[in-house]
Amino acid sequence: VDKLKTDVEGFLQTAVTDDVKTLIFTGGEGGEAAFDVAHCVQTYTTQHEAYKSLTIYALAGSVSTWVNSHRGDESLVSGAEPNHRSPTRNISHRRGSSTGLKIDVPEPPGSMSAQALSLLLKDNNGTVVIDIRDNIEGGTIKSAVHIPCATLVSSVDEVSEQFKDANTLVIASHVSPDLDMTAATPLVQSLHDKDYTTAVFILSGGIKEFLALYHDDPLLVDGHPDDSSAFPRHRSRRSTGLRMKVEVPESPPEITQGELSALIINGKLKSAEERSWVILDVSADSNLRGKGKIAGSVQCTSEEVMGGLTKFCEKYKEKEVVIVVSMMAHDLDEAVAVPLQQTFQEIGSKATVFTLIGGLKKWITTNHHNSSLVENLVPAAWGLQPLRRNSTLRRARPTNITVPEAPQKIPPLELQFLIKSQTTTVAIIDVRPEVSGGIIKGSVHVPIEKILGNAEAISEQWKTKDVLVFVSQLSPDLDLVAATAVMQALRGNKSNAQISYLMGGIVSWMHQYGSDANLTTGYDAQVWKEKRHSVDK
């Protein structure tokens, strides 16, 4: 990396002189550094005609993954110690970039409702809540670990080590989404890089909504204020006529596939009777009965439930949650869930009835590789390929997926190449509310409030640029918000500019390049020393 930083031109000249046609970059730590370097070199080659014939790749996964996979084959591996086995990573999803490179990326953090979290906490089996607010006065979630956002982001590797044995981590901020996503994203990456399987979620609605729902439950909340009126309860919807009030049944609340996965995994060590929830599978396709179901679910027909509502409700009245699943959703699940909920209320049960977003078909398609989540599967009945013997069930097999366009991360190394190339087709926008201690050379300061106030008008000045790079204090935070708003405005203006945000933010940039006058303007070492000390603290 250091050699390439100082002499990428010489490196490429040597490659062309030696008649090299293809460059493949490899590295450690899952190949992230190799991808960053490959991306930089690719950018350089597209700007210089002499090197456009080169094809650039980055090896998906690390060198240790390659060595472990091909150990003993001397045509593929050199110099491996026979009794040494390096740490390896399983590959989940791969994201394709616009340059054709592929890298290992984890799934983004999922969203977990307050209701689902309450069940996990009461099951008390491997779920850890991290409260990332600066100040937790006024109450927090029971047994939550307090790690302020800035501390978590600056010491994310230590945090991932601390909680590597947890089944589920839930990141909670005041409201959501805000700082919770800023904290959760690097934590997911760190866990993934170390091949830990801990699932990470953000708490939907934040701690504010959780306290509003459960402030009077000492099993779920610590340190709530005595004045419970500060937390208004949700009320059912009513249709009001001129002279009378008529109760209108609500549509049942929904549970996501990720939330249900967490419930099942965390409840594995408990018997069906001990769990605070039950899954009722009312899918109608009799041809698929006995050929695959959600792990631990109870299969029954909608006719059986509707014909014996009181019987079913009496059987499960001590449960806190009943999850009704149909084949596709919303069909039979909602038709069964509404009368179930009404009957539970009539017999005085506090059970809440949910339906599963996406239904059974999506569950089987997504989780068929995982025997912890799917039971009695006959793959052919669902049009799936059978699992190979000895195939790992720890993670999904590699899948090429298409994702909606979103701003891309740009590493500091690549940005410094762009600055040194002195191209006029790149705009660097610093969106911090105030700037002090220096800025990236050539960047312009446009506060986030100004961009969000009129994104279409502001973005007009950048519509002829090829690359826009947004910069904030840490990342991702304000930079991603600004980049997304400008991307939407520019796409409406038929601009195909590449929209990016700087990995690690201005703090990371100043740490690496602050003292380089060719890359930074107005650098004040004392300011950044104090800022870094503040973040570490």
Protein backbone atom coordinates (compact mmCIF):
# COMPACT_ATOMS: atom_id res chain seq x y z
CA VAL A 1 0.00 0.00 0.00
CA ASP A 2 2.75 2.46 0.92
CA LYS A 3 4.60 1.79 -2.35
CA LEU A 4 1.48 2.39 -4.39
CA LYS A 5 0.80 5.62 -2.53
CA THR A 6 4.16 7.02 -3.57
CA ASP A 7 4.61 5.58 -7.07
CA VAL A 8 1.46 4.21 -8.72
CA GLU A 9 2.76 5.49 -12.09
CA GLY A 10 5.98 3.48 -11.79
CA PHE A 11 4.08 0.40 -10.71
CA LEU A 12 1.78 0.53 -13.74
CA GLN A 13 4.65 1.28 -16.13
CA THR A 14 6.42 -1.86 -14.94
CA ALA A 15 3.25 -3.89 -15.44
CA VAL A 16 2.81 -2.67 -19.02
CA THR A 17 6.53 -3.16 -19.82
CA ASP A 18 6.30 -6.77 -18.59
CA ASP A 19 3.26 -7.28 -20.86
CA VAL A 20 0.90 -7.84 -17.91
CA LYS A 21 -2.75 -7.93 -18.96
CA THR A 22 -4.45 -8.57 -15.61
CA LEU A 23 -3.71 -7.37 -12.07
CA ILE A 24 -5.25 -9.21 -9.11
CA PHE A 25 -4.80 -7.60 -5.70
CA THR A 26 -4.88 -9.72 -2.55
CA GLY A 27 -4.61 -8.93 1.14
CA GLY A 28 -5.64 -9.79 4.68
CA GLU A 29 -8.66 -8.92 6.86
CA GLY A 30 -11.21 -10.21 4.37
CA GLY A 31 -9.63 -8.44 1.40
CA GLU A 32 -10.94 -4.95 2.23
CA ALA A 33 -7.50 -3.31 1.83
CA ALA A 34 -6.96 -5.18 -1.46
CA PHE A 35 -10.28 -3.88 -2.76
CA ASP A 36 -9.45 -0.30 -1.75
CA VAL A 37 -6.08 -0.44 -3.55
CA ALA A 38 -7.59 -2.13 -6.62
CA HIS A 39 -10.30 0.51 -6.81
CA CYS A 40 -7.71 3.30 -6.63
CA VAL A 41 -5.56 1.73 -9.35
CA GLN A 42 -8.65 1.17 -11.50
CA THR A 43 -9.55 4.86 -11.11
CA TYR A 44 -6.02 5.86 -12.14
CA THR A 45 -5.99 3.60 -15.22
CA THR A 46 -9.27 5.02 -16.54
CA GLN A 47 -7.72 8.51 -16.56
CA HIS A 48 -4.56 7.52 -18.47
CA GLU A 49 -4.78 6.06 -21.97
CA ALA A 50 -1.56 4.03 -21.63
CA TYR A 51 -3.07 1.83 -18.91
CA LYS A 52 -6.66 1.38 -20.09
CA SER A 53 -5.85 -2.10 -21.46
CA LEU A 54 -5.21 -3.43 -17.94
CA THR A 55 -7.93 -5.47 -16.23
CA ILE A 56 -8.10 -4.99 -12.46
CA TYR A 57 -9.50 -7.44 -9.89
CA ALA A 58 -9.53 -7.82 -6.11
CA LEU A 59 -9.63 -11.28 -4.56
CA ALA A 60 -12.90 -11.80 -2.65
CA GLY A 61 -11.85 -12.88 0.83
CA SER A 62 -8.38 -12.80 2.36
CA VAL A 63 -5.15 -14.61 1.47
CA SER A 64 -5.62 -16.82 4.54
CA THR A 65 -9.01 -17.91 3.15
CA TRP A 66 -7.31 -18.94 -0.10
CA VAL A 67 -4.51 -20.78 1.69
CA ASN A 68 -6.93 -22.64 3.97
CA SER A 69 -9.12 -23.61 1.00
CA HIS A 70 -6.25 -24.88 -1.19
CA ARG A 71 -3.70 -26.10 1.35
CA GLY A 72 -1.73 -29.03 0.01
CA ASP A 73 -2.14 -28.06 -3.65
CA GLU A 74 1.32 -26.84 -4.65
CA SER A 75 -0.01 -25.50 -7.94
CA LEU A 76 -2.12 -22.98 -5.96
CA VAL A 77 -0.31 -22.37 -2.63
CA SER A 78 3.35 -21.67 -1.87
CA GLY A 79 5.16 -21.60 1.48
CA ALA A 80 2.27 -22.68 3.73
CA GLU A 81 3.22 -24.22 7.08
CA PRO A 82 1.74 -27.73 7.08
CA ASN A 83 0.36 -27.63 10.64
CA HIS A 84 -0.69 -24.00 10.72
CA ARG A 85 -4.24 -23.00 9.85
CA SER A 86 -4.99 -19.30 9.55
CA PRO A 87 -8.27 -17.81 10.76
CA THR A 88 -10.77 -17.88 7.93
CA ARG A 89 -14.04 -16.24 7.09
CA ASN A 90 -17.14 -17.58 5.42
CA ILE A 91 -18.40 -15.35 2.63
CA SER A 92 -21.99 -14.16 2.84
CA HIS A 93 -23.21 -11.70 0.21
CA ARG A 94 -20.96 -10.05 -2.37
CA ARG A 95 -21.65 -6.62 -3.68
CA GLY A 96 -20.63 -5.78 -7.22
CA SER A 97 -19.23 -2.29 -7.80
CA SER A 98 -19.52 -0.23 -10.92
CA THR A 99 -15.94 -1.25 -11.81
CA GLY A 100 -16.74 -4.97 -11.76
CA LEU A 101 -14.83 -5.62 -8.51
CA LYS A 102 -16.30 -7.81 -5.79
CA ILE A 103 -15.80 -7.53 -2.05
CA ASP A 104 -17.06 -9.29 1.05
CA VAL A 105 -19.76 -7.24 2.76
CA PRO A 106 -22.04 -8.17 5.65
CA GLU A 107 -25.79 -7.81 5.74
CA PRO A 108 -26.79 -4.34 7.01
CA PRO A 109 -28.18 -4.18 10.56
CA GLY A 110 -31.84 -5.17 10.77
CA SER A 111 -34.60 -3.29 12.57
CA MET A 112 -36.21 -4.75 15.72
CA SER A 113 -39.51 -3.61 17.19
CA ALA A 114 -39.95 -2.82 20.87
CA GLN A 115 -42.35 -5.77 21.19
CA ALA A 116 -39.85 -8.26 19.78
CA LEU A 117 -37.10 -6.93 22.04
CA SER A 118 -39.31 -7.27 25.09
CA LEU A 119 -39.70 -10.98 24.34
CA LEU A 120 -35.97 -11.51 23.86
CA LEU A 121 -35.22 -9.77 27.15
CA LYS A 122 -37.75 -11.87 29.04
CA ASP A 123 -36.33 -15.04 27.49
CA ASN A 124 -32.97 -13.81 28.89
CA ASN A 125 -30.91 -15.86 26.48
CA GLY A 126 -28.01 -14.17 24.74
CA THR A 127 -29.49 -10.75 23.90
CA VAL A 128 -27.50 -7.62 24.77
CA VAL A 129 -28.84 -4.07 24.43
CA ILE A 130 -26.29 -1.26 23.95
CA ASP A 131 -27.60 2.19 24.89
CA ILE A 132 -25.53 4.66 22.82
CA ARG A 133 -27.01 7.91 24.18
CA ASP A 134 -24.60 10.31 25.88
CA ASN A 135 -26.97 10.74 28.83
CA ILE A 136 -29.21 7.94 30.14
CA GLU A 137 -30.96 9.87 32.88
CA GLY A 138 -34.72 9.32 32.85
CA GLY A 139 -34.60 5.58 32.37
CA THR A 140 -33.17 2.95 30.07
CA ILE A 141 -33.80 -0.63 29.02
CA LYS A 142 -33.22 -3.25 31.70
CA SER A 143 -29.62 -4.53 31.83
CA ALA A 144 -28.62 -2.35 28.86
CA VAL A 145 -24.89 -1.64 28.52
CA HIS A 146 -24.15 2.08 28.22
CA ILE A 147 -21.56 2.85 25.52
CA PRO A 148 -21.88 6.36 24.01
CA CYS A 149 -21.91 6.43 20.21
CA ALA A 150 -18.56 8.21 19.83
CA THR A 151 -16.88 5.68 22.15
CA LEU A 152 -18.38 2.71 20.29
CA VAL A 153 -17.34 4.01 16.86
CA SER A 154 -13.78 4.83 17.94
CA SER A 155 -13.26 1.46 19.69
CA VAL A 156 -15.49 -0.76 17.57
CA ASP A 157 -13.04 -3.69 17.46
CA GLU A 158 -12.87 -3.83 21.26
CA VAL A 159 -16.68 -3.70 21.48
CA SER A 160 -17.08 -6.53 18.95
CA GLU A 161 -14.64 -8.66 20.97
CA GLN A 162 -16.53 -7.89 24.18
CA PHE A 163 -19.86 -9.10 22.79
CA LYS A 164 -18.72 -11.78 20.33
CA ASP A 165 -20.52 -14.53 22.30
CA ALA A 166 -23.90 -12.78 22.32
CA ASN A 167 -26.60 -14.21 20.06
CA THR A 168 -28.10 -10.79 19.38
CA LEU A 169 -26.94 -7.19 19.84
CA VAL A 170 -29.57 -4.42 19.78
CA ILE A 171 -28.28 -0.85 19.35
CA ALA A 172 -30.62 1.67 20.94
CA SER A 173 -30.60 5.47 20.68
CA HIS A 174 -33.14 8.07 21.76
CA VAL A 175 -35.25 7.87 18.61
CA SER A 176 -34.57 5.87 15.47
CA PRO A 177 -33.03 5.92 12.96
CA ASP A 178 -30.33 8.39 14.00
CA LEU A 179 -27.06 7.61 15.78
CA ASP A 180 -28.06 3.94 16.13
CA MET A 181 -27.29 3.28 12.45
CA THR A 182 -24.02 5.23 12.75
CA ALA A 183 -22.96 2.91 15.59
CA ALA A 184 -24.43 -0.34 14.25
CA THR A 185 -22.88 -0.22 10.76
CA PRO A 186 -19.18 -0.35 11.78
CA LEU A 187 -20.04 -2.87 14.52
CA VAL A 188 -21.61 -5.20 11.95
CA GLN A 189 -18.52 -4.84 9.76
CA SER A 190 -16.14 -5.57 12.64
CA LEU A 191 -18.05 -8.69 13.72
CA HIS A 192 -18.19 -9.86 10.11
CA ASP A 193 -14.46 -9.30 9.55
CA LYS A 194 -13.69 -11.52 12.56
CA ASP A 195 -16.17 -14.19 11.40
CA TYR A 196 -18.38 -13.78 14.49
CA THR A 197 -22.03 -14.72 13.95
CA THR A 198 -23.65 -12.27 16.40
CA ALA A 199 -26.73 -10.66 14.79
CA VAL A 200 -26.98 -6.87 15.07
CA PHE A 201 -30.23 -4.87 15.07
CA ILE A 202 -31.24 -1.28 15.69
CA LEU A 203 -34.23 -0.65 17.96
CA SER A 204 -37.13 0.65 15.87
CA GLY A 205 -38.59 3.78 17.47
CA GLY A 206 -35.65 4.02 19.84
CA ILE A 207 -35.63 4.06 23.63
CA LYS A 208 -38.30 6.77 23.66
CA GLU A 209 -40.88 4.40 22.18
CA PHE A 210 -39.70 1.45 24.30
CA LEU A 211 -40.15 3.44 27.52
CA ALA A 212 -43.56 4.66 26.33
CA LEU A 213 -44.69 1.04 25.97
CA TYR A 214 -43.01 -0.58 28.98
CA HIS A 215 -42.18 2.17 31.52
CA ASP A 216 -44.22 0.43 34.23
CA ASP A 217 -42.64 -3.03 33.72
CA PRO A 218 -39.66 -3.47 36.10
CA LEU A 219 -38.56 -6.55 34.14
CA LEU A 220 -37.91 -4.38 31.08
CA VAL A 221 -37.04 -0.87 32.31
CA ASP A 222 -34.53 0.56 34.78
CA GLY A 223 -34.70 4.01 36.36
CA HIS A 224 -38.00 5.20 34.90
CA PRO A 225 -39.50 8.42 36.33
CA ASP A 226 -42.27 8.15 38.93
CA ASP A 227 -44.59 10.25 36.78
CA SER A 228 -45.77 7.57 34.36
CA SER A 229 -47.95 10.12 32.56
CA ALA A 230 -44.75 11.19 30.83
CA PHE A 231 -45.08 8.04 28.72
CA PRO A 232 -48.50 7.99 26.98
CA ARG A 233 -49.71 4.56 25.94
CA HIS A 234 -50.77 3.81 22.39
CA ARG A 235 -54.52 3.77 22.01
CA SER A 236 -56.62 1.64 19.69
CA ARG A 237 -58.17 3.31 16.67
CA ARG A 238 -61.89 4.03 16.82
CA SER A 239 -64.46 5.08 14.26
CA THR A 240 -66.63 7.82 15.76
CA GLY A 241 -70.18 8.57 14.59
CA LEU A 242 -72.39 11.47 15.65
CA ARG A 243 -74.06 9.71 18.56
CA MET A 244 -72.06 6.56 19.27
CA LYS A 245 -68.57 5.07 19.30
CA VAL A 246 -67.91 1.85 17.44
CA GLU A 247 -64.79 -0.22 18.09
CA VAL A 248 -63.03 -1.01 14.81
CA PRO A 249 -60.66 -4.03 14.89
CA GLU A 250 -57.09 -3.01 14.16
CA SER A 251 -55.01 -4.78 11.58
CA PRO A 252 -52.66 -7.08 13.50
CA PRO A 253 -49.12 -5.80 14.05
CA GLU A 254 -46.37 -7.35 11.94
CA ILE A 255 -43.09 -9.03 12.83
CA THR A 256 -40.16 -9.03 10.40
CA GLN A 257 -38.32 -12.13 9.25
CA GLY A 258 -35.18 -10.91 11.04
CA GLU A 259 -37.01 -10.39 14.34
CA LEU A 260 -38.53 -13.87 14.16
CA SER A 261 -35.09 -15.36 13.42
CA ALA A 262 -33.73 -13.72 16.56
CA LEU A 263 -36.64 -15.03 18.65
CA ILE A 264 -36.13 -18.60 17.41
CA ILE A 265 -32.35 -18.61 17.85
CA ASN A 266 -32.55 -17.10 21.33
CA GLY A 267 -35.31 -19.50 22.35
CA LYS A 268 -33.54 -22.70 21.26
CA LEU A 269 -32.49 -23.63 24.79
CA LYS A 270 -36.06 -23.43 26.11
CA SER A 271 -38.91 -25.88 25.64
CA ALA A 272 -42.04 -24.85 23.74
CA GLU A 273 -43.88 -24.49 27.06
CA GLU A 274 -41.19 -22.21 28.53
CA ARG A 275 -41.12 -19.80 25.59
CA SER A 276 -43.21 -16.63 25.82
CA TRP A 277 -44.30 -16.98 22.19
CA VAL A 278 -45.78 -19.50 19.77
CA ILE A 279 -45.92 -19.67 15.96
CA LEU A 280 -49.14 -20.87 14.31
CA ASP A 281 -48.66 -21.95 10.67
CA VAL A 282 -52.03 -21.75 8.89
CA SER A 283 -50.69 -21.94 5.30
CA ALA A 284 -53.28 -23.61 3.09
CA ASP A 285 -51.19 -25.69 0.64
CA SER A 286 -51.72 -29.29 1.77
CA ASN A 287 -49.15 -30.52 -0.79
CA LEU A 288 -46.40 -28.84 1.24
CA ARG A 289 -47.44 -30.14 4.66
CA GLY A 290 -44.60 -32.07 6.23
CA LYS A 291 -42.13 -30.81 3.61
CA GLY A 292 -40.77 -27.77 5.42
CA LYS A 293 -41.85 -25.42 8.18
CA ILE A 294 -40.57 -22.71 10.49
CA ALA A 295 -38.58 -24.32 13.31
CA GLY A 296 -40.80 -24.88 16.34
CA SER A 297 -44.02 -23.78 14.64
CA VAL A 298 -47.39 -25.45 15.17
CA GLN A 299 -49.07 -26.41 11.90
CA CYS A 300 -52.85 -26.21 11.77
CA THR A 301 -55.51 -25.20 9.24
CA SER A 302 -57.39 -21.92 9.36
CA GLU A 303 -60.62 -23.96 9.68
CA GLU A 304 -59.29 -25.63 12.84
CA VAL A 305 -58.46 -22.26 14.39
CA MET A 306 -61.68 -20.49 13.35
CA GLY A 307 -63.81 -23.46 14.39
CA GLY A 308 -62.26 -23.56 17.86
CA LEU A 309 -61.16 -20.01 18.66
CA THR A 310 -61.82 -20.26 22.38
CA LYS A 311 -60.00 -23.60 22.56
CA PHE A 312 -56.90 -22.19 20.83
CA CYS A 313 -56.90 -19.04 22.94
CA GLU A 314 -57.27 -20.97 26.18
CA LYS A 315 -54.32 -23.15 25.16
CA TYR A 316 -52.03 -20.17 24.47
CA LYS A 317 -53.45 -17.52 26.82
CA GLU A 318 -50.26 -17.43 28.93
CA LYS A 319 -48.11 -16.56 25.91
CA GLU A 320 -47.14 -12.96 25.36
CA VAL A 321 -46.98 -13.23 21.58
CA VAL A 322 -48.76 -15.43 19.04
CA ILE A 323 -47.38 -15.24 15.49
CA VAL A 324 -49.73 -16.32 12.71
CA VAL A 325 -48.04 -17.37 9.45
CA SER A 326 -49.61 -18.03 6.06
CA MET A 327 -48.05 -18.90 2.72
CA MET A 328 -47.69 -15.41 1.24
CA ALA A 329 -49.07 -12.75 3.66
CA HIS A 330 -51.43 -10.96 3.77
CA ASP A 331 -54.09 -13.59 3.23
CA LEU A 332 -55.13 -16.28 5.70
CA ASP A 333 -52.79 -14.93 8.37
CA GLU A 334 -54.74 -11.69 8.82
CA ALA A 335 -58.11 -13.46 8.55
CA VAL A 336 -57.09 -15.69 11.46
CA ALA A 337 -55.12 -13.13 13.50
CA VAL A 338 -57.95 -10.58 13.95
CA PRO A 339 -60.52 -12.94 15.55
CA LEU A 340 -57.73 -14.57 17.60
CA GLN A 341 -56.79 -11.20 19.07
CA GLN A 342 -60.43 -10.36 19.86
CA THR A 343 -60.94 -13.72 21.57
CA PHE A 344 -57.75 -13.30 23.64
CA GLN A 345 -59.08 -9.96 24.86
CA GLU A 346 -62.48 -11.48 25.72
CA ILE A 347 -60.92 -14.16 27.95
CA GLY A 348 -58.64 -11.64 29.68
CA SER A 349 -55.35 -12.73 28.06
CA LYS A 350 -52.62 -10.16 27.42
CA ALA A 351 -51.31 -12.05 24.38
CA THR A 352 -50.61 -9.98 21.27
CA VAL A 353 -51.16 -11.54 17.84
CA PHE A 354 -48.68 -10.76 15.04
CA THR A 355 -48.45 -11.74 11.38
CA LEU A 356 -45.15 -12.52 9.63
CA ILE A 357 -44.06 -10.11 6.89
CA GLY A 358 -43.43 -12.06 3.69
CA GLY A 359 -45.08 -15.25 4.92
CA LEU A 360 -43.85 -18.84 4.91
CA LYS A 361 -42.70 -18.89 1.28
CA LYS A 362 -40.24 -16.04 1.80
CA TRP A 363 -39.06 -17.65 5.07
CA ILE A 364 -38.28 -20.97 3.38
CA THR A 365 -36.61 -19.29 0.39
CA THR A 366 -34.42 -17.11 2.62
CA ASN A 367 -33.54 -19.63 5.35
CA HIS A 368 -33.65 -23.05 3.66
CA HIS A 369 -29.89 -23.48 4.26
CA ASN A 370 -30.27 -23.05 8.03
CA SER A 371 -31.58 -26.03 9.99
CA SER A 372 -31.93 -23.84 13.10
CA LEU A 373 -34.70 -21.90 11.34
CA VAL A 374 -36.30 -24.47 9.01
CA GLU A 375 -37.39 -28.02 9.92
CA ASN A 376 -38.35 -31.10 7.88
CA LEU A 377 -37.38 -29.44 4.59
CA VAL A 378 -37.82 -31.23 1.27
CA PRO A 379 -36.01 -28.78 -1.05
CA ALA A 380 -37.50 -30.12 -4.30
CA ALA A 381 -41.04 -29.44 -3.06
CA TRP A 382 -40.18 -25.74 -2.85
CA GLY A 383 -38.20 -25.64 -6.08
CA LEU A 384 -34.89 -25.36 -4.22
CA GLN A 385 -31.55 -27.00 -4.87
CA PRO A 386 -30.77 -29.71 -2.27
CA LEU A 387 -28.01 -28.89 0.21
CA ARG A 388 -24.65 -30.50 -0.46
CA ARG A 389 -23.33 -32.85 2.16
CA ASN A 390 -20.90 -31.21 4.57
CA SER A 391 -21.97 -27.75 3.39
CA THR A 392 -21.78 -25.16 6.14
CA LEU A 393 -25.02 -24.00 7.74
CA ARG A 394 -23.37 -21.12 9.50
CA ARG A 395 -23.96 -18.57 6.77
CA ALA A 396 -25.74 -18.33 3.45
CA ARG A 397 -23.80 -19.42 0.40
CA PRO A 398 -22.47 -16.63 -1.83
CA THR A 399 -25.25 -14.90 -3.73
CA ASN A 400 -25.08 -12.22 -6.38
CA ILE A 401 -27.78 -9.70 -5.50
CA THR A 402 -29.01 -6.47 -7.01
CA VAL A 403 -29.49 -3.62 -4.55
CA PRO A 404 -31.03 -0.18 -5.08
CA GLU A 405 -28.56 2.58 -5.87
CA ALA A 406 -27.10 4.25 -2.82
CA PRO A 407 -24.13 6.54 -2.16
CA GLN A 408 -20.85 4.61 -2.18
CA LYS A 409 -18.09 4.68 0.42
CA ILE A 410 -14.79 6.07 -0.87
CA PRO A 411 -11.59 5.23 1.05
CA PRO A 412 -9.20 8.07 1.99
CA LEU A 413 -6.54 6.39 -0.18
CA GLU A 414 -8.68 6.69 -3.30
CA LEU A 415 -9.67 10.30 -2.55
CA GLN A 416 -6.03 11.35 -2.20
CA PHE A 417 -5.34 9.83 -5.64
CA LEU A 418 -8.18 11.91 -7.09
CA ILE A 419 -6.87 15.10 -5.46
CA LYS A 420 -3.32 14.50 -6.71
CA SER A 421 -4.57 13.87 -10.24
CA GLN A 422 -5.88 17.49 -10.17
CA THR A 423 -8.97 16.52 -12.12
CA THR A 424 -11.67 19.18 -12.39
CA THR A 425 -14.52 16.68 -12.57
CA VAL A 426 -14.50 15.92 -8.83
CA ALA A 427 -16.27 17.99 -6.16
CA ILE A 428 -15.57 17.48 -2.44
CA ILE A 429 -18.32 18.88 -0.17
CA ASP A 430 -17.72 19.32 3.58
CA VAL A 431 -21.17 19.24 5.26
CA ARG A 432 -20.12 19.85 8.87
CA PRO A 433 -22.14 22.64 10.55
CA GLU A 434 -18.85 24.40 11.32
CA VAL A 435 -15.29 23.79 10.13
CA SER A 436 -12.18 24.25 12.24
CA GLY A 437 -8.65 22.90 12.21
CA GLY A 438 -8.43 22.60 8.44
CA ILE A 439 -10.26 21.18 5.42
CA ILE A 440 -9.50 18.77 2.60
CA LYS A 441 -7.72 20.60 -0.20
CA GLY A 442 -10.11 21.79 -2.88
CA SER A 443 -13.23 21.05 -0.83
CA VAL A 444 -16.11 23.48 -0.37
CA HIS A 445 -18.02 23.98 2.87
CA VAL A 446 -21.80 23.63 2.48
CA PRO A 447 -23.50 23.02 5.89
CA ILE A 448 -25.94 20.11 6.01
CA GLU A 449 -28.86 22.43 6.85
CA LYS A 450 -28.34 24.35 3.60
CA ILE A 451 -28.33 21.16 1.51
CA LEU A 452 -31.44 19.69 3.13
CA GLY A 453 -33.23 23.04 2.90
CA ASN A 454 -33.02 23.13 -0.90
CA ALA A 455 -31.22 20.11 -2.33
CA GLU A 456 -32.41 20.63 -5.92
CA ALA A 457 -31.14 24.21 -6.18
CA ILE A 458 -27.88 23.46 -4.35
CA SER A 459 -27.11 20.42 -6.52
CA GLU A 460 -27.40 22.44 -9.76
CA GLN A 461 -23.78 23.58 -9.37
CA TRP A 462 -22.55 19.95 -9.34
CA LYS A 463 -24.61 18.41 -12.16
CA THR A 464 -21.65 18.48 -14.61
CA LYS A 465 -19.26 16.73 -12.19
CA ASP A 466 -18.35 13.06 -12.57
CA VAL A 467 -17.73 12.40 -8.85
CA LEU A 468 -19.14 14.04 -5.70
CA VAL A 469 -17.56 13.20 -2.33
CA PHE A 470 -19.38 14.24 0.86
CA VAL A 471 -17.41 14.65 4.10
CA SER A 472 -18.54 14.96 7.74
CA GLN A 473 -16.93 14.65 11.17
CA LEU A 474 -17.36 10.89 11.55
CA SER A 475 -18.92 8.56 9.02
CA PRO A 476 -21.54 7.51 8.16
CA ASP A 477 -23.63 10.32 9.65
CA LEU A 478 -24.37 13.74 8.11
CA ASP A 479 -22.35 12.84 5.00
CA LEU A 480 -24.65 9.96 4.07
CA VAL A 481 -27.76 12.07 4.70
CA ALA A 482 -26.46 14.86 2.45
CA ALA A 483 -25.22 12.45 -0.23
CA THR A 484 -28.61 10.71 -0.41
CA ALA A 485 -30.51 14.01 -0.76
CA VAL A 486 -28.20 15.29 -3.51
CA MET A 487 -28.25 11.94 -5.33
CA GLN A 488 -32.06 12.06 -5.53
CA ALA A 489 -31.95 15.65 -6.82
CA LEU A 490 -29.27 14.91 -9.45
CA ARG A 491 -30.95 11.76 -10.71
CA GLY A 492 -34.07 13.83 -11.29
CA ASN A 493 -31.82 16.18 -13.31
CA LYS A 494 -30.56 13.27 -15.47
CA SER A 495 -27.07 13.46 -13.94
CA ASN A 496 -25.10 10.21 -13.65
CA ALA A 497 -22.46 11.56 -11.28
CA GLN A 498 -20.97 9.02 -8.86
CA ILE A 499 -22.10 10.03 -5.35
CA SER A 500 -19.76 8.98 -2.52
CA TYR A 501 -19.02 9.71 1.12
CA LEU A 502 -15.61 9.57 2.79
CA MET A 503 -14.95 6.49 4.93
CA GLY A 504 -13.97 7.47 8.48
CA GLY A 505 -14.93 11.11 7.96
CA ILE A 506 -12.70 14.15 8.38
CA VAL A 507 -11.27 12.77 11.64
CA SER A 508 -9.77 9.78 9.81
CA TRP A 509 -8.56 12.00 6.95
CA MET A 510 -6.73 14.42 9.26
CA HIS A 511 -5.13 11.51 11.10
CA GLN A 512 -3.67 10.19 7.82
CA TYR A 513 -3.12 13.27 5.64
CA GLY A 514 -3.51 16.37 7.83
CA SER A 515 0.18 17.27 7.68
CA ASP A 516 0.36 16.87 3.88
CA ALA A 517 -0.04 20.37 2.39
CA ASN A 518 -0.83 18.82 -1.00
CA LEU A 519 -3.94 17.18 0.47
CA THR A 520 -5.04 19.40 3.38
CA THR A 521 -5.47 23.16 3.77
CA GLY A 522 -5.17 25.04 7.09
CA TYR A 523 -4.25 21.98 9.17
CA ASP A 524 -4.04 22.67 12.94
CA ALA A 525 -2.54 19.64 14.68
CA GLN A 526 -3.66 20.79 18.14
CA VAL A 527 -7.33 20.96 17.10
CA TRP A 528 -7.29 17.39 15.79
CA LYS A 529 -5.34 16.11 18.74
CA GLU A 530 -8.06 17.50 21.02
CA LYS A 531 -10.86 16.12 18.81
CA ARG A 532 -9.27 12.67 18.71
CA HIS A 533 -8.78 12.73 22.48
CA SER A 534 -12.46 13.69 22.88
CA VAL A 535 -13.60 10.81 20.67
CA ASP A 536 -11.35 8.31 22.48
CA LYS A 537 -12.60 9.56 25.84
